[in-house]
C-alpha cells in the first residue's frame, strides 16, 4: 500500500450523500478479485476534492469510459488496484444500474452463481486482457438488469 493512502471518507464527507458497497465483493459467496468497489452518490462531480483525494493516495481517473462518473483508484504495491471509488451525481443512471444489478444478485443466488461461473471462465480465458474480461460480462449484466426491471427498461 502506498504510504500516504488514507480512507477517502474524510475527504468526501462534504460532497457525499451516500456510500454503497458495489461490485463482486458486495455479493457473498461469489468469486471476486480482491478489489473493493464503492459507489459514492455525490452532490456534484465538480465539487469533488480531486487534489485532496490524490494526496491521500487515490489516483484520479476521471470518467474512465463511463459517462457521468468520476473514478478514483487506490493502488498497492506493484500498482495493483485495491479500491475503486466510483463517484456519481445523485440520480445518475449508471449508479442506479450498479445498485439494481447488485440488489438483484443479492436477492437471486442462482443468478449470482451464474455470474460467478461466468467471471471464472472469463478470467481463465482472458488472464491478461482486462478489457476483454469486462466486455465478456456485458451481456450478462444487461440480462440481469432487464430481469430486475421486469423487462420494462434496459439497464
C-alpha atoms as a PDB file:
ATOM      1  CA  UNK A   1       0.000   0.000   0.000  1.00  0.00           C
ATOM      2  CA  UNK A   2       1.225   3.490  -0.729  1.00  0.00           C
ATOM      3  CA  UNK A   3       2.423   5.116   2.479  1.00  0.00           C
ATOM      4  CA  UNK A   4       0.202   8.197   2.033  1.00  0.00           C
ATOM      5  CA  UNK A   5      -3.031   6.241   1.368  1.00  0.00           C
ATOM      6  CA  UNK A   6      -5.800   7.128   3.827  1.00  0.00           C
ATOM      7  CA  UNK A   7      -9.542   6.410   3.994  1.00  0.00           C
ATOM      8  CA  UNK A   8     -11.392   8.534   1.457  1.00  0.00           C
ATOM      9  CA  UNK A   9     -14.499   9.272   3.529  1.00  0.00           C
ATOM     10  CA  UNK A  10     -12.942  12.165   5.384  1.00  0.00           C
ATOM     11  CA  UNK A  11     -12.126  13.923   2.112  1.00  0.00           C
ATOM     12  CA  UNK A  12     -15.513  13.302   0.519  1.00  0.00           C
ATOM     13  CA  UNK A  13     -17.714  13.979   3.567  1.00  0.00           C
ATOM     14  CA  UNK A  14     -18.803  17.428   2.369  1.00  0.00           C
ATOM     15  CA  UNK A  15     -19.999  16.229  -1.042  1.00  0.00           C
ATOM     16  CA  UNK A  16     -21.199  12.635  -0.480  1.00  0.00           C
ATOM     17  CA  UNK A  17     -24.874  11.894   0.059  1.00  0.00           C
ATOM     18  CA  UNK A  18     -24.362   8.116   0.409  1.00  0.00           C
ATOM     19  CA  UNK A  19     -21.753   5.372   0.021  1.00  0.00           C
ATOM     20  CA  UNK A  20     -22.682   1.952  -1.419  1.00  0.00           C
ATOM     21  CA  UNK A  21     -20.675  -1.276  -1.444  1.00  0.00           C
ATOM     22  CA  UNK A  22     -20.901  -2.487  -5.052  1.00  0.00           C
ATOM     23  CA  UNK A  23     -19.010  -4.905  -7.272  1.00  0.00           C
ATOM     24  CA  UNK A  24     -18.453  -8.593  -6.716  1.00  0.00           C
ATOM     25  CA  UNK A  25     -17.168  -8.230  -3.161  1.00  0.00           C
ATOM     26  CA  UNK A  26     -20.671  -6.983  -2.263  1.00  0.00           C
ATOM     27  CA  UNK A  27     -22.170 -10.376  -3.218  1.00  0.00           C
ATOM     28  CA  UNK A  28     -21.439 -13.024  -0.555  1.00  0.00           C
ATOM     29  CA  UNK A  29     -20.089 -16.308  -1.842  1.00  0.00           C
ATOM     30  CA  UNK A  30     -19.097 -15.356  -5.376  1.00  0.00           C
ATOM     31  CA  UNK A  31     -15.600 -15.221  -6.800  1.00  0.00           C
ATOM     32  CA  UNK A  32     -14.144 -11.721  -6.814  1.00  0.00           C
ATOM     33  CA  UNK A  33     -10.846 -10.021  -7.429  1.00  0.00           C
ATOM     34  CA  UNK A  34      -9.547  -8.523  -4.165  1.00  0.00           C
ATOM     35  CA  UNK A  35     -10.672  -5.025  -5.117  1.00  0.00           C
ATOM     36  CA  UNK A  36     -13.190  -3.111  -3.036  1.00  0.00           C
ATOM     37  CA  UNK A  37     -15.663  -1.191  -5.215  1.00  0.00           C
ATOM     38  CA  UNK A  38     -17.505   1.671  -3.565  1.00  0.00           C
ATOM     39  CA  UNK A  39     -20.062   3.885  -5.262  1.00  0.00           C
ATOM     40  CA  UNK A  40     -20.366   7.384  -3.854  1.00  0.00           C
ATOM     41  CA  UNK A  41     -23.504   9.373  -4.588  1.00  0.00           C
ATOM     42  CA  UNK A  42     -22.370  12.991  -4.574  1.00  0.00           C
ATOM     43  CA  UNK A  43     -23.992  16.417  -4.765  1.00  0.00           C
ATOM     44  CA  UNK A  44     -21.874  17.451  -7.764  1.00  0.00           C
ATOM     45  CA  UNK A  45     -18.856  15.978  -9.535  1.00  0.00           C
ATOM     46  CA  UNK A  46     -17.444  19.488  -9.877  1.00  0.00           C
ATOM     47  CA  UNK A  47     -17.253  19.683  -6.072  1.00  0.00           C
ATOM     48  CA  UNK A  48     -15.080  16.566  -5.699  1.00  0.00           C
ATOM     49  CA  UNK A  49     -11.850  17.274  -3.795  1.00  0.00           C
ATOM     50  CA  UNK A  50      -9.661  15.770  -6.522  1.00  0.00           C
ATOM     51  CA  UNK A  51      -6.360  17.160  -5.211  1.00  0.00           C
ATOM     52  CA  UNK A  52      -7.042  16.038  -1.627  1.00  0.00           C
ATOM     53  CA  UNK A  53      -8.005  12.562  -2.815  1.00  0.00           C
ATOM     54  CA  UNK A  54      -4.851  12.346  -4.929  1.00  0.00           C
ATOM     55  CA  UNK A  55      -2.750  13.458  -1.964  1.00  0.00           C
ATOM     56  CA  UNK A  56      -4.417  10.738   0.125  1.00  0.00           C
ATOM     57  CA  UNK A  57      -3.334   8.043  -2.345  1.00  0.00           C
ATOM     58  CA  UNK A  58      -6.362   7.826  -4.658  1.00  0.00           C
ATOM     59  CA  UNK A  59      -5.413   8.280  -8.307  1.00  0.00           C
ATOM     60  CA  UNK A  60      -7.992  10.390 -10.164  1.00  0.00           C
ATOM     61  CA  UNK A  61      -9.052   8.646 -13.368  1.00  0.00           C
ATOM     62  CA  UNK A  62     -11.931  10.941 -14.427  1.00  0.00           C
ATOM     63  CA  UNK A  63     -14.732   9.182 -16.362  1.00  0.00           C
ATOM     64  CA  UNK A  64     -12.549   6.250 -17.424  1.00  0.00           C
ATOM     65  CA  UNK A  65     -15.062   5.089 -20.022  1.00  0.00           C
ATOM     66  CA  UNK A  66     -18.259   5.650 -18.007  1.00  0.00           C
ATOM     67  CA  UNK A  67     -20.043   8.936 -18.754  1.00  0.00           C
ATOM     68  CA  UNK A  68     -21.134  10.811 -15.646  1.00  0.00           C
ATOM     69  CA  UNK A  69     -18.722   9.010 -13.335  1.00  0.00           C
ATOM     70  CA  UNK A  70     -15.515  10.195 -11.706  1.00  0.00           C
ATOM     71  CA  UNK A  71     -13.305   7.282 -10.668  1.00  0.00           C
ATOM     72  CA  UNK A  72     -10.597   7.255  -8.013  1.00  0.00           C
ATOM     73  CA  UNK A  73      -8.289   4.228  -7.743  1.00  0.00           C
ATOM     74  CA  UNK A  74      -6.239   3.365  -4.681  1.00  0.00           C
ATOM     75  CA  UNK A  75      -3.287   1.176  -5.601  1.00  0.00           C
ATOM     76  CA  UNK A  76      -0.979  -1.017  -3.611  1.00  0.00           C
ATOM     77  CA  UNK A  77       2.452  -2.483  -4.258  1.00  0.00           C
ATOM     78  CA  UNK A  78       3.156  -3.217  -7.895  1.00  0.00           C
ATOM     79  CA  UNK A  79       0.440  -0.746  -8.927  1.00  0.00           C
ATOM     80  CA  UNK A  80      -2.269  -3.318  -8.120  1.00  0.00           C
ATOM     81  CA  UNK A  81      -5.746  -1.860  -7.613  1.00  0.00           C
ATOM     82  CA  UNK A  82      -7.025  -2.167  -4.058  1.00  0.00           C
ATOM     83  CA  UNK A  83     -10.063   0.105  -4.059  1.00  0.00           C
ATOM     84  CA  UNK A  84     -12.185   1.829  -6.703  1.00  0.00           C
ATOM     85  CA  UNK A  85     -14.323   4.781  -5.640  1.00  0.00           C
ATOM     86  CA  UNK A  86     -16.948   5.409  -8.334  1.00  0.00           C
ATOM     87  CA  UNK A  87     -18.447   8.888  -7.843  1.00  0.00           C
ATOM     88  CA  UNK A  88     -21.805   9.743  -9.437  1.00  0.00           C
ATOM     89  CA  UNK A  89     -24.108  12.701  -9.076  1.00  0.00           C
ATOM     90  CA  UNK A  90     -27.398  11.913  -7.399  1.00  0.00           C
ATOM     91  CA  UNK A  91     -29.868  10.494  -9.917  1.00  0.00           C
ATOM     92  CA  UNK A  92     -27.185   9.205 -12.311  1.00  0.00           C
ATOM     93  CA  UNK A  93     -28.445   6.286 -14.396  1.00  0.00           C
ATOM     94  CA  UNK A  94     -25.144   4.360 -14.136  1.00  0.00           C
ATOM     95  CA  UNK A  95     -25.330   4.467 -10.342  1.00  0.00           C
ATOM     96  CA  UNK A  96     -28.925   3.225 -10.484  1.00  0.00           C
ATOM     97  CA  UNK A  97     -27.838   0.339 -12.712  1.00  0.00           C
ATOM     98  CA  UNK A  98     -24.962  -0.654 -10.432  1.00  0.00           C
ATOM     99  CA  UNK A  99     -27.301  -0.816  -7.451  1.00  0.00           C
ATOM    100  CA  UNK A 100     -30.010  -2.615  -9.420  1.00  0.00           C
ATOM    101  CA  UNK A 101     -27.535  -5.282 -10.556  1.00  0.00           C
ATOM    102  CA  UNK A 102     -26.093  -5.744  -7.056  1.00  0.00           C
ATOM    103  CA  UNK A 103     -29.522  -5.945  -5.436  1.00  0.00           C
ATOM    104  CA  UNK A 104     -30.806  -8.483  -7.973  1.00  0.00           C
ATOM    105  CA  UNK A 105     -27.823 -10.781  -7.402  1.00  0.00           C
ATOM    106  CA  UNK A 106     -28.245 -10.465  -3.641  1.00  0.00           C
ATOM    107  CA  UNK A 107     -31.893 -11.495  -3.951  1.00  0.00           C
ATOM    108  CA  UNK A 108     -31.289 -14.284  -6.510  1.00  0.00           C
ATOM    109  CA  UNK A 109     -28.434 -16.622  -5.512  1.00  0.00           C
ATOM    110  CA  UNK A 110     -28.897 -18.694  -8.667  1.00  0.00           C
ATOM    111  CA  UNK A 111     -28.085 -15.660 -10.822  1.00  0.00           C
ATOM    112  CA  UNK A 112     -25.205 -14.746  -8.506  1.00  0.00           C
ATOM    113  CA  UNK A 113     -23.768 -18.230  -9.082  1.00  0.00           C
ATOM    114  CA  UNK A 114     -24.163 -17.860 -12.858  1.00  0.00           C
ATOM    115  CA  UNK A 115     -22.292 -14.570 -12.647  1.00  0.00           C
ATOM    116  CA  UNK A 116     -19.584 -16.205 -10.552  1.00  0.00           C
ATOM    117  CA  UNK A 117     -19.195 -19.011 -13.106  1.00  0.00           C
ATOM    118  CA  UNK A 118     -19.016 -16.518 -15.977  1.00  0.00           C
ATOM    119  CA  UNK A 119     -16.354 -14.435 -14.211  1.00  0.00           C
ATOM    120  CA  UNK A 120     -14.220 -17.510 -13.567  1.00  0.00           C
ATOM    121  CA  UNK A 121     -14.490 -18.581 -17.205  1.00  0.00           C
ATOM    122  CA  UNK A 122     -13.625 -15.095 -18.465  1.00  0.00           C
ATOM    123  CA  UNK A 123     -10.662 -14.855 -16.080  1.00  0.00           C
ATOM    124  CA  UNK A 124      -9.403 -18.200 -17.383  1.00  0.00           C
ATOM    125  CA  UNK A 125      -9.924 -17.170 -20.998  1.00  0.00           C
ATOM    126  CA  UNK A 126      -8.527 -13.620 -20.667  1.00  0.00           C
ATOM    127  CA  UNK A 127      -5.958 -13.679 -17.855  1.00  0.00           C
ATOM    128  CA  UNK A 128      -4.075 -10.656 -19.202  1.00  0.00           C
ATOM    129  CA  UNK A 129      -6.831  -8.779 -21.025  1.00  0.00           C
ATOM    130  CA  UNK A 130      -8.957  -6.788 -18.583  1.00  0.00           C
ATOM    131  CA  UNK A 131     -10.857  -5.130 -21.449  1.00  0.00           C
ATOM    132  CA  UNK A 132     -11.986  -8.479 -22.901  1.00  0.00           C
ATOM    133  CA  UNK A 133     -12.840  -9.741 -19.412  1.00  0.00           C
ATOM    134  CA  UNK A 134     -15.028  -6.690 -18.768  1.00  0.00           C
ATOM    135  CA  UNK A 135     -16.670  -6.834 -22.194  1.00  0.00           C
ATOM    136  CA  UNK A 136     -17.409 -10.518 -21.668  1.00  0.00           C
ATOM    137  CA  UNK A 137     -19.604  -9.649 -18.682  1.00  0.00           C
ATOM    138  CA  UNK A 138     -21.619  -7.025 -20.572  1.00  0.00           C
ATOM    139  CA  UNK A 139     -24.463  -9.096 -21.988  1.00  0.00           C
ATOM    140  CA  UNK A 140     -24.942 -10.953 -18.700  1.00  0.00           C
ATOM    141  CA  UNK A 141     -25.181  -7.659 -16.804  1.00  0.00           C
ATOM    142  CA  UNK A 142     -27.736  -6.332 -19.300  1.00  0.00           C
ATOM    143  CA  UNK A 143     -29.791  -9.509 -18.918  1.00  0.00           C
ATOM    144  CA  UNK A 144     -29.814  -9.269 -15.130  1.00  0.00           C
ATOM    145  CA  UNK A 145     -30.782  -5.606 -15.254  1.00  0.00           C
ATOM    146  CA  UNK A 146     -33.629  -6.398 -17.645  1.00  0.00           C
ATOM    147  CA  UNK A 147     -34.847  -9.096 -15.274  1.00  0.00           C
ATOM    148  CA  UNK A 148     -34.611  -6.659 -12.372  1.00  0.00           C
ATOM    149  CA  UNK A 149     -36.699  -4.159 -14.322  1.00  0.00           C
ATOM    150  CA  UNK A 150     -39.241  -6.869 -15.231  1.00  0.00           C
ATOM    151  CA  UNK A 151     -38.385  -6.308 -18.894  1.00  0.00           C
ATOM    152  CA  UNK A 152     -39.571  -2.688 -18.790  1.00  0.00           C
ATOM    153  CA  UNK A 153     -36.250  -0.953 -19.447  1.00  0.00           C
ATOM    154  CA  UNK A 154     -32.661  -1.666 -20.348  1.00  0.00           C
ATOM    155  CA  UNK A 155     -30.146  -1.467 -17.590  1.00  0.00           C
END
